[in-house]
Amino acid sequence: MALAIEYHETDQVMEATVAAYRARELDVEVDVTTPLPTIASRTEGRIEVVWSRGSEPAALARTVASLTASDWDVWVLVPSGKLGIAHVALRGCDVTLQPWWTEGGLVHFGRPEIP
């Protein structure tokens, strides 16, 4: 049951992120074939990695390291309860962290931070 909740929350975060780009009339590409799903906007030059509550910090660090080697501006959408862990795992990486949480069935995003 907990696993289903994780996937549901991740889906909600992805949908909210895609909706925000589309509200600005920007096209995005979604990749859910990797352990950490991504949303990319070529127009913005940004790729956003969605980190779920159940993902391991080591997997996050590996994924981010491979993406920061590219020309993309990398953002990591982090469950607010894991923001401290993300800061430690990604300290020194050229990324932006943005916390997310769900409340009242809606996804909310916090202020972007640098690890």
C-alpha atoms as a PDB file:
ATOM      1  CA  MET A   1       0.000   0.000   0.000  1.00  0.00           C
ATOM      2  CA  ALA A   2       2.773   2.510   0.837  1.00  0.00           C
ATOM      3  CA  LEU A   3       4.410   1.861  -2.526  1.00  0.00           C
ATOM      4  CA  ALA A   4       1.191   2.786  -4.335  1.00  0.00           C
ATOM      5  CA  ILE A   5       1.091   6.057  -2.393  1.00  0.00           C
ATOM      6  CA  GLU A   6       4.687   6.866  -3.450  1.00  0.00           C
ATOM      7  CA  TYR A   7       3.901   6.346  -7.113  1.00  0.00           C
ATOM      8  CA  HIS A   8       0.689   8.316  -6.810  1.00  0.00           C
ATOM      9  CA  GLU A   9       2.505  11.258  -5.209  1.00  0.00           C
ATOM     10  CA  THR A  10       5.259  11.139  -7.823  1.00  0.00           C
ATOM     11  CA  ASP A  11       2.621  11.149 -10.561  1.00  0.00           C
ATOM     12  CA  GLN A  12       0.951  14.141  -8.921  1.00  0.00           C
ATOM     13  CA  VAL A  13       4.249  16.029  -8.757  1.00  0.00           C
ATOM     14  CA  MET A  14       4.947  15.266 -12.398  1.00  0.00           C
ATOM     15  CA  GLU A  15       1.448  16.366 -13.449  1.00  0.00           C
ATOM     16  CA  ALA A  16       1.716  19.615 -11.460  1.00  0.00           C
ATOM     17  CA  THR A  17       5.130  20.374 -12.951  1.00  0.00           C
ATOM     18  CA  VAL A  18       4.000  19.662 -16.509  1.00  0.00           C
ATOM     19  CA  ALA A  19       0.892  21.802 -15.950  1.00  0.00           C
ATOM     20  CA  ALA A  20       3.062  24.718 -14.769  1.00  0.00           C
ATOM     21  CA  TYR A  21       5.162  24.567 -17.948  1.00  0.00           C
ATOM     22  CA  ARG A  22       2.106  24.238 -20.175  1.00  0.00           C
ATOM     23  CA  ALA A  23       0.437  27.190 -18.422  1.00  0.00           C
ATOM     24  CA  ARG A  24       3.412  29.201 -19.701  1.00  0.00           C
ATOM     25  CA  GLU A  25       2.839  27.636 -23.157  1.00  0.00           C
ATOM     26  CA  LEU A  26       6.134  25.731 -23.023  1.00  0.00           C
ATOM     27  CA  ASP A  27       6.510  22.232 -24.420  1.00  0.00           C
ATOM     28  CA  VAL A  28       7.993  19.553 -22.191  1.00  0.00           C
ATOM     29  CA  GLU A  29       9.223  16.000 -22.584  1.00  0.00           C
ATOM     30  CA  VAL A  30       8.516  13.470 -19.837  1.00  0.00           C
ATOM     31  CA  ASP A  31      10.643  10.369 -19.235  1.00  0.00           C
ATOM     32  CA  VAL A  32       9.289   7.839 -16.753  1.00  0.00           C
ATOM     33  CA  THR A  33      11.454   4.957 -17.977  1.00  0.00           C
ATOM     34  CA  THR A  34      14.250   5.709 -15.524  1.00  0.00           C
ATOM     35  CA  PRO A  35      14.224   5.077 -11.756  1.00  0.00           C
ATOM     36  CA  LEU A  36      13.901   8.833 -11.183  1.00  0.00           C
ATOM     37  CA  PRO A  37      11.439  10.349 -13.670  1.00  0.00           C
ATOM     38  CA  THR A  38      12.408  13.555 -15.466  1.00  0.00           C
ATOM     39  CA  ILE A  39      10.663  16.471 -17.113  1.00  0.00           C
ATOM     40  CA  ALA A  40      12.631  18.457 -19.689  1.00  0.00           C
ATOM     41  CA  SER A  41      11.940  21.813 -21.290  1.00  0.00           C
ATOM     42  CA  ARG A  42      14.260  22.481 -24.206  1.00  0.00           C
ATOM     43  CA  THR A  43      13.004  26.073 -24.388  1.00  0.00           C
ATOM     44  CA  GLU A  44      14.048  26.702 -20.785  1.00  0.00           C
ATOM     45  CA  GLY A  45      17.148  24.485 -21.045  1.00  0.00           C
ATOM     46  CA  ARG A  46      15.989  22.831 -17.827  1.00  0.00           C
ATOM     47  CA  ILE A  47      15.536  19.250 -16.758  1.00  0.00           C
ATOM     48  CA  GLU A  48      13.713  18.466 -13.532  1.00  0.00           C
ATOM     49  CA  VAL A  49      14.263  15.211 -11.649  1.00  0.00           C
ATOM     50  CA  VAL A  50      11.414  14.037  -9.425  1.00  0.00           C
ATOM     51  CA  TRP A  51      12.712  12.397  -6.266  1.00  0.00           C
ATOM     52  CA  SER A  52      10.061  10.321  -4.505  1.00  0.00           C
ATOM     53  CA  ARG A  53       9.909   9.580  -0.803  1.00  0.00           C
ATOM     54  CA  GLY A  54      11.146   6.012  -1.355  1.00  0.00           C
ATOM     55  CA  SER A  55      14.155   6.791  -3.566  1.00  0.00           C
ATOM     56  CA  GLU A  56      17.678   6.305  -2.249  1.00  0.00           C
ATOM     57  CA  PRO A  57      20.076   9.275  -1.983  1.00  0.00           C
ATOM     58  CA  ALA A  58      22.782   7.340  -3.863  1.00  0.00           C
ATOM     59  CA  ALA A  59      20.479   6.861  -6.871  1.00  0.00           C
ATOM     60  CA  LEU A  60      19.658  10.563  -6.795  1.00  0.00           C
ATOM     61  CA  ALA A  61      23.342  11.531  -6.691  1.00  0.00           C
ATOM     62  CA  ARG A  62      24.183   9.227  -9.636  1.00  0.00           C
ATOM     63  CA  THR A  63      21.329  10.551 -11.753  1.00  0.00           C
ATOM     64  CA  VAL A  64      22.139  14.180 -10.991  1.00  0.00           C
ATOM     65  CA  ALA A  65      25.867  13.672 -11.666  1.00  0.00           C
ATOM     66  CA  SER A  66      25.109  12.330 -15.141  1.00  0.00           C
ATOM     67  CA  LEU A  67      22.767  15.233 -15.907  1.00  0.00           C
ATOM     68  CA  THR A  68      24.993  18.033 -14.620  1.00  0.00           C
ATOM     69  CA  ALA A  69      27.671  16.917 -17.081  1.00  0.00           C
ATOM     70  CA  SER A  70      25.324  18.119 -19.840  1.00  0.00           C
ATOM     71  CA  ASP A  71      24.311  21.644 -20.771  1.00  0.00           C
ATOM     72  CA  TRP A  72      20.985  21.339 -18.929  1.00  0.00           C
ATOM     73  CA  ASP A  73      20.043  23.467 -15.930  1.00  0.00           C
ATOM     74  CA  VAL A  74      19.209  20.674 -13.443  1.00  0.00           C
ATOM     75  CA  TRP A  75      16.531  21.017 -10.780  1.00  0.00           C
ATOM     76  CA  VAL A  76      15.583  18.295  -8.302  1.00  0.00           C
ATOM     77  CA  LEU A  77      12.035  18.225  -6.957  1.00  0.00           C
ATOM     78  CA  VAL A  78      12.432  16.841  -3.434  1.00  0.00           C
ATOM     79  CA  PRO A  79       9.822  15.715  -0.887  1.00  0.00           C
ATOM     80  CA  SER A  80       9.999  18.407   1.801  1.00  0.00           C
ATOM     81  CA  GLY A  81      10.782  15.810   4.473  1.00  0.00           C
ATOM     82  CA  LYS A  82      13.904  14.744   2.536  1.00  0.00           C
ATOM     83  CA  LEU A  83      15.262  18.207   1.803  1.00  0.00           C
ATOM     84  CA  GLY A  84      18.056  17.882   4.393  1.00  0.00           C
ATOM     85  CA  ILE A  85      19.133  14.518   2.960  1.00  0.00           C
ATOM     86  CA  ALA A  86      19.123  16.002  -0.553  1.00  0.00           C
ATOM     87  CA  HIS A  87      21.326  18.898   0.614  1.00  0.00           C
ATOM     88  CA  VAL A  88      23.874  16.429   1.986  1.00  0.00           C
ATOM     89  CA  ALA A  89      23.721  14.059  -1.015  1.00  0.00           C
ATOM     90  CA  LEU A  90      24.059  16.856  -3.569  1.00  0.00           C
ATOM     91  CA  ARG A  91      26.307  19.343  -1.781  1.00  0.00           C
ATOM     92  CA  GLY A  92      28.686  20.867  -4.301  1.00  0.00           C
ATOM     93  CA  CYS A  93      26.617  19.766  -7.317  1.00  0.00           C
ATOM     94  CA  ASP A  94      25.474  22.390  -9.762  1.00  0.00           C
ATOM     95  CA  VAL A  95      21.745  21.850  -9.133  1.00  0.00           C
ATOM     96  CA  THR A  96      18.746  23.611  -7.677  1.00  0.00           C
ATOM     97  CA  LEU A  97      16.550  21.853  -5.117  1.00  0.00           C
ATOM     98  CA  GLN A  98      12.859  22.597  -4.859  1.00  0.00           C
ATOM     99  CA  PRO A  99      10.813  21.022  -2.065  1.00  0.00           C
ATOM    100  CA  TRP A 100       7.340  19.637  -2.673  1.00  0.00           C
ATOM    101  CA  TRP A 101       4.572  18.340  -0.441  1.00  0.00           C
ATOM    102  CA  THR A 102       0.947  17.355  -0.777  1.00  0.00           C
ATOM    103  CA  GLU A 103      -1.834  18.917   1.211  1.00  0.00           C
ATOM    104  CA  GLY A 104      -5.537  18.682   0.609  1.00  0.00           C
ATOM    105  CA  GLY A 105      -4.941  16.498  -2.429  1.00  0.00           C
ATOM    106  CA  LEU A 106      -2.828  19.181  -4.115  1.00  0.00           C
ATOM    107  CA  VAL A 107       0.908  19.424  -4.763  1.00  0.00           C
ATOM    108  CA  HIS A 108       2.652  22.489  -3.359  1.00  0.00           C
ATOM    109  CA  PHE A 109       6.162  23.663  -4.192  1.00  0.00           C
ATOM    110  CA  GLY A 110       8.514  25.538  -1.882  1.00  0.00           C
ATOM    111  CA  ARG A 111      11.255  28.039  -2.539  1.00  0.00           C
ATOM    112  CA  PRO A 112      14.214  26.824  -4.683  1.00  0.00           C
ATOM    113  CA  GLU A 113      17.471  26.213  -2.791  1.00  0.00           C
ATOM    114  CA  ILE A 114      21.112  25.506  -3.640  1.00  0.00           C
ATOM    115  CA  PRO A 115      22.751  22.537  -1.855  1.00  0.00           C
END
